[in-house]
Amino acid sequence: MPKLTKMKILRMQKGLTQHDLAKMLGVSQSYVAKVENEQIKPTQDILLALAEVLGCRPDELV
């Protein structure tokens, strides 16, 4: 079973798809998927925007 990251849990709690979140952040769905699956780290500005959208602190996502 794949690991549920904090980002994925919060996104799902907000009822957002990866596509929804990508649109809100101005990035591609594949970028969101890679960040969510910990394949890449988000840039600082995306990390701050993610935290705001998901209602958490940036350090909770890394």
C-alpha atoms as a PDB file:
ATOM      1  CA  MET A   1       0.000   0.000   0.000  1.00  0.00           C
ATOM      2  CA  PRO A   2       1.423   3.424  -0.945  1.00  0.00           C
ATOM      3  CA  LYS A   3       2.357   5.780   1.845  1.00  0.00           C
ATOM      4  CA  LEU A   4      -0.104   8.620   2.405  1.00  0.00           C
ATOM      5  CA  THR A   5       1.869  11.817   2.753  1.00  0.00           C
ATOM      6  CA  LYS A   6       0.685  14.718   4.887  1.00  0.00           C
ATOM      7  CA  MET A   7       0.100  16.685   1.690  1.00  0.00           C
ATOM      8  CA  LYS A   8      -2.111  13.973   0.204  1.00  0.00           C
ATOM      9  CA  ILE A   9      -4.093  13.546   3.421  1.00  0.00           C
ATOM     10  CA  LEU A  10      -4.730  17.300   3.707  1.00  0.00           C
ATOM     11  CA  ARG A  11      -5.598  17.586   0.008  1.00  0.00           C
ATOM     12  CA  MET A  12      -8.109  14.773   0.286  1.00  0.00           C
ATOM     13  CA  GLN A  13      -9.607  16.252   3.478  1.00  0.00           C
ATOM     14  CA  LYS A  14     -10.209  19.476   1.542  1.00  0.00           C
ATOM     15  CA  GLY A  15     -11.933  17.477  -1.206  1.00  0.00           C
ATOM     16  CA  LEU A  16      -9.396  18.548  -3.817  1.00  0.00           C
ATOM     17  CA  THR A  17      -8.017  16.480  -6.671  1.00  0.00           C
ATOM     18  CA  GLN A  18      -4.411  16.819  -7.779  1.00  0.00           C
ATOM     19  CA  HIS A  19      -5.776  18.662 -10.803  1.00  0.00           C
ATOM     20  CA  ASP A  20      -7.709  21.115  -8.580  1.00  0.00           C
ATOM     21  CA  LEU A  21      -4.647  21.796  -6.472  1.00  0.00           C
ATOM     22  CA  ALA A  22      -2.419  22.202  -9.522  1.00  0.00           C
ATOM     23  CA  LYS A  23      -4.824  24.749 -10.988  1.00  0.00           C
ATOM     24  CA  MET A  24      -4.873  26.716  -7.718  1.00  0.00           C
ATOM     25  CA  LEU A  25      -1.069  26.758  -7.582  1.00  0.00           C
ATOM     26  CA  GLY A  26      -0.492  27.436 -11.270  1.00  0.00           C
ATOM     27  CA  VAL A  27       1.474  24.243 -11.823  1.00  0.00           C
ATOM     28  CA  SER A  28       0.858  20.987 -13.682  1.00  0.00           C
ATOM     29  CA  GLN A  29      -0.956  18.006 -12.201  1.00  0.00           C
ATOM     30  CA  SER A  30       2.193  15.942 -12.713  1.00  0.00           C
ATOM     31  CA  TYR A  31       4.169  18.446 -10.608  1.00  0.00           C
ATOM     32  CA  VAL A  32       1.634  18.058  -7.776  1.00  0.00           C
ATOM     33  CA  ALA A  33       1.827  14.257  -8.106  1.00  0.00           C
ATOM     34  CA  LYS A  34       5.631  14.285  -7.925  1.00  0.00           C
ATOM     35  CA  VAL A  35       5.642  16.542  -4.858  1.00  0.00           C
ATOM     36  CA  GLU A  36       2.907  14.474  -3.228  1.00  0.00           C
ATOM     37  CA  ASN A  37       4.816  11.233  -3.860  1.00  0.00           C
ATOM     38  CA  GLU A  38       8.031  12.829  -2.572  1.00  0.00           C
ATOM     39  CA  GLN A  39       9.798  12.436  -5.916  1.00  0.00           C
ATOM     40  CA  ILE A  40      10.674  16.142  -5.925  1.00  0.00           C
ATOM     41  CA  LYS A  41      10.665  18.919  -3.359  1.00  0.00           C
ATOM     42  CA  PRO A  42       8.443  21.947  -4.013  1.00  0.00           C
ATOM     43  CA  THR A  43      10.011  25.328  -4.576  1.00  0.00           C
ATOM     44  CA  GLN A  44       9.785  27.717  -1.628  1.00  0.00           C
ATOM     45  CA  ASP A  45       6.996  29.783  -3.198  1.00  0.00           C
ATOM     46  CA  ILE A  46       4.974  26.672  -4.057  1.00  0.00           C
ATOM     47  CA  LEU A  47       5.538  25.302  -0.542  1.00  0.00           C
ATOM     48  CA  LEU A  48       4.159  28.509   0.979  1.00  0.00           C
ATOM     49  CA  ALA A  49       1.170  28.474  -1.370  1.00  0.00           C
ATOM     50  CA  LEU A  50       0.527  24.798  -0.617  1.00  0.00           C
ATOM     51  CA  ALA A  51       0.533  25.452   3.114  1.00  0.00           C
ATOM     52  CA  GLU A  52      -1.922  28.305   2.670  1.00  0.00           C
ATOM     53  CA  VAL A  53      -4.291  26.286   0.478  1.00  0.00           C
ATOM     54  CA  LEU A  54      -4.098  23.208   2.710  1.00  0.00           C
ATOM     55  CA  GLY A  55      -4.348  25.175   5.955  1.00  0.00           C
ATOM     56  CA  CYS A  56      -1.121  24.057   7.565  1.00  0.00           C
ATOM     57  CA  ARG A  57       2.398  25.267   8.297  1.00  0.00           C
ATOM     58  CA  PRO A  58       4.987  24.856   5.525  1.00  0.00           C
ATOM     59  CA  ASP A  59       7.198  22.707   7.779  1.00  0.00           C
ATOM     60  CA  GLU A  60       4.387  20.163   8.090  1.00  0.00           C
ATOM     61  CA  LEU A  61       4.700  19.409   4.375  1.00  0.00           C
ATOM     62  CA  VAL A  62       8.429  18.693   4.224  1.00  0.00           C
END
